[in-house]
Amino acid sequence: MFDYAQVAAVEAVIRTGSFEKAARHLAITPSAVSQRVRQLEEQLGIILIVRGQPCVATPAGERLFRHAEEVALMERGLSRELGLGEGPMPMLRIAVNADSLATWFIEAMAGAGECLFDLVLDDQDHSADWLRRGEVRAAVSAFSGAVQGCDVKPLGALRYIATASPAFVSRWFAEGVGRQALAQAPCITFNAKDALQTRWIEATTGQRIDPPTHWLPSSQAFVDGCLAGLGWGMNPLNLVSDLIATGRLVPLVDNAFLDVPLFWHWSRSVGKAMMPVTQSVQQAARGALLPPGYGSGTSLTEMR
């Protein structure tokens, strides 16, 4: 049987990265945190935390961390069912893509009730991997299949449009958006996992082209980079529609969109406790995304 004061100490150190920060979080002394962690490690006969700057979990520590998170969620759900109030706010770790966070996911968080969020940012094509590894309790992902031990619901499609500044288009696409121009004009890429620009090029031209690129791992920097004339990029339409309306950004090809479907995955073991979060995510998605069924994640949608 675990001593949950000791488990809470391990969880706090892993989450904050240090014994000092964990002590402030738990309102105890750093030596008390260290003692609780050491006692649990001695009881179990395994190392849970690698001491350093920052402190990190061992595989066993990571598993205990996930267990503590699940227990907190289930206890909160049970307290609600028994009419005992909400109890302490649980911490919920979720994997989400940066563009969802920039456009609609904050609204989902705000409507989820009293819950603390620990977000992991990853590309929508890879965010479900965090759930497969058991490192998060839920994920927004482009993966439509069911992750083992999890449930999944379609959320809708996030619509992207290729945009650039008018000056950039005049310089690089004066003769039109063709294969040669796309091979020479700099684009903007979020990170090595971001394939939206190459997908759009392939869907538009029928050819695989790898253009020169700037690496900007931020949704807002993506927009700012396009505005500054650094390059062209695939921006969520609901993030740049006002900029297009005022002429500060222009589409590379009129009314050519890339619709990326998104899905909500959550761990079945805490599904009941997470119901308010799931409902809030679905509601926020309905207000920001195209209805489920749009887009395949690889095909271009022509709207004329």
Protein backbone atom coordinates (compact mmCIF):
# COMPACT_ATOMS: atom_id res chain seq x y z
CA MET A 1 0.00 0.00 0.00
CA PHE A 2 1.40 3.37 -1.01
CA ASP A 3 1.85 6.26 1.38
CA TYR A 4 0.28 8.98 -0.75
CA ALA A 5 2.15 11.75 1.03
CA GLN A 6 5.29 10.09 -0.31
CA VAL A 7 3.74 9.61 -3.74
CA ALA A 8 2.71 13.28 -3.78
CA ALA A 9 6.30 14.26 -3.05
CA VAL A 10 7.59 12.19 -5.97
CA GLU A 11 4.92 13.61 -8.25
CA ALA A 12 5.73 17.19 -7.24
CA VAL A 13 9.47 16.75 -7.83
CA ILE A 14 8.88 15.21 -11.25
CA ARG A 15 6.39 17.88 -12.25
CA THR A 16 8.41 20.87 -11.05
CA GLY A 17 11.89 19.52 -11.73
CA SER A 18 13.36 20.29 -8.31
CA PHE A 19 12.99 19.47 -4.62
CA GLU A 20 12.84 23.18 -3.74
CA LYS A 21 9.94 23.92 -6.08
CA ALA A 22 8.19 20.75 -4.95
CA ALA A 23 8.53 21.89 -1.33
CA ARG A 24 6.90 25.24 -2.14
CA HIS A 25 4.12 23.46 -3.99
CA LEU A 26 3.45 21.11 -1.06
CA ALA A 27 4.04 23.78 1.62
CA ILE A 28 6.70 21.70 3.37
CA THR A 29 10.48 21.93 3.61
CA PRO A 30 12.84 20.61 0.90
CA SER A 31 14.31 18.19 3.44
CA ALA A 32 10.83 16.78 4.11
CA VAL A 33 10.33 16.28 0.38
CA SER A 34 13.70 14.57 0.10
CA GLN A 35 12.91 12.32 3.07
CA ARG A 36 9.54 11.24 1.63
CA VAL A 37 11.04 10.47 -1.76
CA ARG A 38 13.92 8.52 -0.21
CA GLN A 39 11.59 6.54 2.05
CA LEU A 40 9.41 5.50 -0.89
CA GLU A 41 12.46 4.54 -2.97
CA GLU A 42 13.79 2.44 -0.10
CA GLN A 43 10.41 0.81 0.44
CA LEU A 44 10.08 -0.12 -3.24
CA GLY A 45 13.76 -0.92 -3.72
CA ILE A 46 14.02 1.19 -6.89
CA ILE A 47 15.15 4.68 -7.87
CA LEU A 48 12.25 6.93 -8.84
CA ILE A 49 14.02 10.22 -9.51
CA VAL A 50 17.37 11.02 -11.07
CA ARG A 51 18.67 13.98 -9.10
CA GLY A 52 19.92 16.82 -11.27
CA GLN A 53 19.06 20.18 -12.80
CA PRO A 54 16.28 19.47 -13.50
CA CYS A 55 15.34 16.31 -11.64
CA VAL A 56 13.82 13.72 -13.99
CA ALA A 57 11.83 10.56 -13.49
CA THR A 58 13.17 7.08 -14.05
CA PRO A 59 10.82 4.75 -15.97
CA ALA A 60 9.48 3.52 -12.62
CA GLY A 61 9.07 7.09 -11.41
CA GLU A 62 7.19 8.02 -14.58
CA ARG A 63 4.82 5.09 -14.06
CA LEU A 64 4.20 6.14 -10.45
CA PHE A 65 3.66 9.72 -11.64
CA ARG A 66 0.96 8.58 -14.08
CA HIS A 67 -0.66 6.44 -11.38
CA ALA A 68 -0.84 9.40 -9.00
CA GLU A 69 -2.45 11.53 -11.71
CA GLU A 70 -5.08 8.88 -12.41
CA VAL A 71 -5.85 8.43 -8.71
CA ALA A 72 -6.36 12.19 -8.28
CA LEU A 73 -8.77 12.29 -11.21
CA MET A 74 -10.76 9.30 -9.99
CA GLU A 75 -10.94 10.61 -6.43
CA ARG A 76 -12.31 13.91 -7.70
CA GLY A 77 -14.94 12.11 -9.76
CA LEU A 78 -15.93 9.96 -6.77
CA SER A 79 -16.19 13.01 -4.50
CA ARG A 80 -18.49 14.63 -7.02
CA GLU A 81 -20.70 11.52 -7.24
CA LEU A 82 -20.96 11.24 -3.46
CA GLY A 83 -21.89 14.88 -3.09
CA LEU A 84 -18.74 15.66 -1.14
CA GLY A 85 -17.74 18.61 -3.30
CA GLU A 86 -15.03 18.81 -5.91
CA GLY A 87 -12.04 18.35 -3.64
CA PRO A 88 -8.53 19.52 -4.62
CA MET A 89 -8.00 20.41 -8.28
CA PRO A 90 -6.38 17.50 -10.11
CA MET A 91 -3.54 17.97 -12.59
CA LEU A 92 -4.36 16.75 -16.09
CA ARG A 93 -1.60 16.18 -18.64
CA ILE A 94 -2.76 16.50 -22.25
CA ALA A 95 -0.93 16.39 -25.60
CA VAL A 96 -2.15 19.01 -28.05
CA ASN A 97 -0.89 20.51 -31.29
CA ALA A 98 0.25 24.14 -31.22
CA ASP A 99 -2.33 25.39 -33.74
CA SER A 100 -5.22 24.00 -31.71
CA LEU A 101 -3.79 25.69 -28.63
CA ALA A 102 -3.52 28.97 -30.56
CA THR A 103 -7.04 28.85 -31.98
CA TRP A 104 -9.55 26.99 -29.82
CA PHE A 105 -8.14 24.78 -27.06
CA ILE A 106 -7.81 27.55 -24.46
CA GLU A 107 -11.60 27.92 -24.61
CA ALA A 108 -11.92 24.19 -23.96
CA MET A 109 -9.65 24.47 -20.93
CA ALA A 110 -11.61 27.43 -19.55
CA GLY A 111 -14.89 25.53 -19.79
CA ALA A 112 -13.62 22.30 -18.24
CA GLY A 113 -14.25 23.27 -14.62
CA GLU A 114 -11.64 23.47 -11.90
CA CYS A 115 -8.73 21.49 -13.26
CA LEU A 116 -5.02 22.21 -13.56
CA PHE A 117 -3.54 21.56 -16.99
CA ASP A 118 -0.06 20.36 -17.90
CA LEU A 119 0.08 20.61 -21.70
CA VAL A 120 2.55 18.81 -23.94
CA LEU A 121 2.90 20.38 -27.40
CA ASP A 122 3.48 18.13 -30.39
CA ASP A 123 2.50 17.92 -34.03
CA GLN A 124 -1.05 16.68 -34.59
CA ASP A 125 0.33 13.65 -36.43
CA HIS A 126 2.41 12.65 -33.39
CA SER A 127 0.47 13.81 -30.32
CA ALA A 128 -1.27 10.43 -29.97
CA ASP A 129 2.16 8.84 -29.44
CA TRP A 130 2.25 10.44 -25.98
CA LEU A 131 -0.98 8.61 -25.14
CA ARG A 132 0.37 5.30 -26.47
CA ARG A 133 3.34 5.65 -24.15
CA GLY A 134 1.04 6.43 -21.23
CA GLU A 135 2.65 9.83 -20.66
CA VAL A 136 -0.59 11.83 -20.96
CA ARG A 137 -4.23 11.19 -20.09
CA ALA A 138 -5.68 12.66 -23.29
CA ALA A 139 -4.62 14.05 -26.65
CA VAL A 140 -5.82 16.13 -29.59
CA SER A 141 -4.53 14.28 -32.63
CA ALA A 142 -4.96 13.77 -36.36
CA PHE A 143 -4.87 10.01 -35.71
CA SER A 144 -8.36 8.60 -36.22
CA GLY A 145 -7.83 5.10 -34.87
CA ALA A 146 -8.30 4.00 -31.28
CA VAL A 147 -5.24 3.95 -29.05
CA GLN A 148 -5.17 0.85 -26.84
CA GLY A 149 -7.05 1.48 -23.59
CA CYS A 150 -8.50 4.75 -24.86
CA ASP A 151 -11.69 6.09 -26.41
CA VAL A 152 -11.78 8.46 -29.36
CA LYS A 153 -14.26 10.97 -30.81
CA PRO A 154 -13.97 13.10 -33.97
CA LEU A 155 -13.77 16.82 -33.26
CA GLY A 156 -13.87 18.31 -36.75
CA ALA A 157 -11.30 19.70 -39.17
CA LEU A 158 -8.92 22.61 -38.72
CA ARG A 159 -8.76 24.49 -42.02
CA TYR A 160 -5.39 25.77 -43.23
CA ILE A 161 -4.57 28.23 -45.99
CA ALA A 162 -1.23 29.02 -47.62
CA THR A 163 -0.53 32.71 -47.02
CA ALA A 164 2.22 35.29 -47.42
CA SER A 165 2.62 39.04 -47.43
CA PRO A 166 1.64 40.90 -50.63
CA ALA A 167 5.28 41.98 -51.13
CA PHE A 168 6.48 38.37 -50.81
CA VAL A 169 3.94 37.17 -53.39
CA SER A 170 4.94 39.96 -55.77
CA ARG A 171 8.59 39.00 -55.47
CA TRP A 172 8.44 35.22 -55.57
CA PHE A 173 5.19 34.42 -57.37
CA ALA A 174 4.95 37.18 -59.95
CA GLU A 175 4.53 34.55 -62.68
CA GLY A 176 2.12 32.44 -60.62
CA VAL A 177 2.34 29.66 -58.06
CA GLY A 178 4.08 26.95 -60.04
CA ARG A 179 6.58 24.19 -59.43
CA GLN A 180 9.66 26.33 -60.13
CA ALA A 181 8.51 29.22 -57.96
CA LEU A 182 7.58 26.93 -55.07
CA ALA A 183 11.01 25.26 -55.28
CA GLN A 184 12.72 28.63 -54.84
CA ALA A 185 10.47 30.67 -52.55
CA PRO A 186 11.28 30.29 -48.83
CA CYS A 187 8.52 28.76 -46.74
CA ILE A 188 8.07 28.60 -42.96
CA THR A 189 8.06 25.25 -41.14
CA PHE A 190 7.11 24.69 -37.49
CA ASN A 191 9.54 21.83 -36.86
CA ALA A 192 10.82 18.62 -38.44
CA LYS A 193 7.44 16.93 -37.90
CA ASP A 194 5.50 19.64 -39.73
CA ALA A 195 4.51 18.36 -43.18
CA LEU A 196 1.65 20.77 -43.97
CA GLN A 197 3.64 22.89 -46.44
CA THR A 198 4.88 19.89 -48.43
CA ARG A 199 1.40 18.34 -48.37
CA TRP A 200 -0.09 21.53 -49.77
CA ILE A 201 2.57 21.77 -52.49
CA GLU A 202 2.00 18.15 -53.51
CA ALA A 203 -1.77 18.61 -53.54
CA THR A 204 -1.44 21.82 -55.57
CA THR A 205 1.20 20.76 -58.09
CA GLY A 206 1.06 16.96 -57.99
CA GLN A 207 4.78 16.92 -57.27
CA ARG A 208 6.98 16.49 -54.23
CA ILE A 209 9.02 19.65 -53.66
CA ASP A 210 11.21 20.51 -50.69
CA PRO A 211 11.51 24.31 -50.66
CA PRO A 212 14.02 26.31 -48.63
CA THR A 213 12.57 26.92 -45.20
CA HIS A 214 12.75 28.96 -42.02
CA TRP A 215 12.14 26.99 -38.78
CA LEU A 216 9.74 28.85 -36.48
CA PRO A 217 8.29 26.62 -33.70
CA SER A 218 5.45 28.95 -32.70
CA SER A 219 1.98 29.49 -34.16
CA GLN A 220 2.17 33.25 -33.58
CA ALA A 221 5.71 33.39 -34.99
CA PHE A 222 4.37 31.59 -38.05
CA VAL A 223 1.89 34.40 -38.64
CA ASP A 224 4.44 37.09 -37.80
CA GLY A 225 6.97 35.52 -40.15
CA CYS A 226 4.48 35.61 -43.00
CA LEU A 227 3.60 39.23 -42.20
CA ALA A 228 7.29 40.18 -42.15
CA GLY A 229 7.87 38.61 -45.56
CA LEU A 230 10.19 35.86 -44.34
CA GLY A 231 8.29 33.22 -46.27
CA TRP A 232 4.93 31.64 -46.93
CA GLY A 233 3.27 29.15 -44.61
CA MET A 234 0.17 27.13 -43.86
CA ASN A 235 -1.78 29.10 -41.25
CA PRO A 236 -5.09 28.15 -39.62
CA LEU A 237 -7.77 30.12 -41.46
CA ASN A 238 -9.47 31.24 -38.26
CA LEU A 239 -6.11 32.66 -37.08
CA VAL A 240 -5.45 34.77 -40.20
CA SER A 241 -8.90 35.52 -41.65
CA ASP A 242 -8.84 39.12 -40.38
CA LEU A 243 -5.35 39.64 -41.80
CA ILE A 244 -6.53 38.34 -45.17
CA ALA A 245 -9.60 40.57 -45.05
CA THR A 246 -7.44 43.66 -44.47
CA GLY A 247 -4.91 42.66 -47.14
CA ARG A 248 -1.95 42.23 -44.80
CA LEU A 249 -1.74 38.58 -45.87
CA VAL A 250 -2.84 37.07 -49.17
CA PRO A 251 -3.54 33.46 -50.16
CA LEU A 252 -1.06 31.89 -52.53
CA VAL A 253 -3.98 30.23 -54.31
CA ASP A 254 -7.47 31.63 -53.83
CA ASN A 255 -9.93 29.38 -52.01
CA ALA A 256 -7.54 26.41 -51.80
CA PHE A 257 -7.61 24.93 -48.32
CA LEU A 258 -6.01 22.02 -46.55
CA ASP A 259 -8.46 20.55 -44.02
CA VAL A 260 -6.85 18.55 -41.22
CA PRO A 261 -9.25 16.38 -39.18
CA LEU A 262 -8.69 16.27 -35.44
CA PHE A 263 -9.75 13.68 -32.87
CA TRP A 264 -10.03 13.67 -29.09
CA HIS A 265 -8.46 10.64 -27.40
CA TRP A 266 -8.70 9.99 -23.68
CA SER A 267 -7.72 7.21 -21.31
CA ARG A 268 -10.66 4.91 -20.59
CA SER A 269 -9.47 4.34 -17.02
CA VAL A 270 -10.24 7.97 -16.13
CA GLY A 271 -12.96 8.57 -18.70
CA LYS A 272 -15.72 9.13 -16.18
CA ALA A 273 -13.69 11.58 -14.14
CA MET A 274 -12.65 13.40 -17.30
CA MET A 275 -16.20 13.78 -18.63
CA PRO A 276 -16.38 17.57 -17.95
CA VAL A 277 -13.12 18.05 -19.86
CA THR A 278 -14.27 15.89 -22.75
CA GLN A 279 -17.57 17.77 -23.00
CA SER A 280 -15.80 21.12 -22.93
CA VAL A 281 -13.34 20.03 -25.63
CA GLN A 282 -16.18 18.91 -27.88
CA GLN A 283 -18.11 22.12 -27.34
CA ALA A 284 -15.11 24.35 -28.09
CA ALA A 285 -14.27 22.30 -31.18
CA ARG A 286 -17.81 22.70 -32.53
CA GLY A 287 -17.40 26.46 -32.39
CA ALA A 288 -14.00 26.58 -34.11
CA LEU A 289 -13.61 23.58 -36.42
CA LEU A 290 -15.37 22.43 -39.55
CA PRO A 291 -17.84 19.61 -38.83
CA PRO A 292 -16.42 16.06 -38.61
CA GLY A 293 -16.01 14.51 -42.03
CA TYR A 294 -14.03 17.35 -43.61
CA GLY A 295 -10.55 16.63 -44.87
CA SER A 296 -8.25 13.65 -44.83
CA GLY A 297 -5.14 15.40 -43.62
CA THR A 298 -3.47 14.96 -47.03
CA SER A 299 -5.89 16.23 -49.64
CA LEU A 300 -6.64 19.72 -50.84
CA THR A 301 -10.20 20.99 -50.61
CA GLU A 302 -11.14 23.38 -53.38
CA MET A 303 -13.93 25.77 -52.42
CA ARG A 304 -15.02 27.80 -55.48
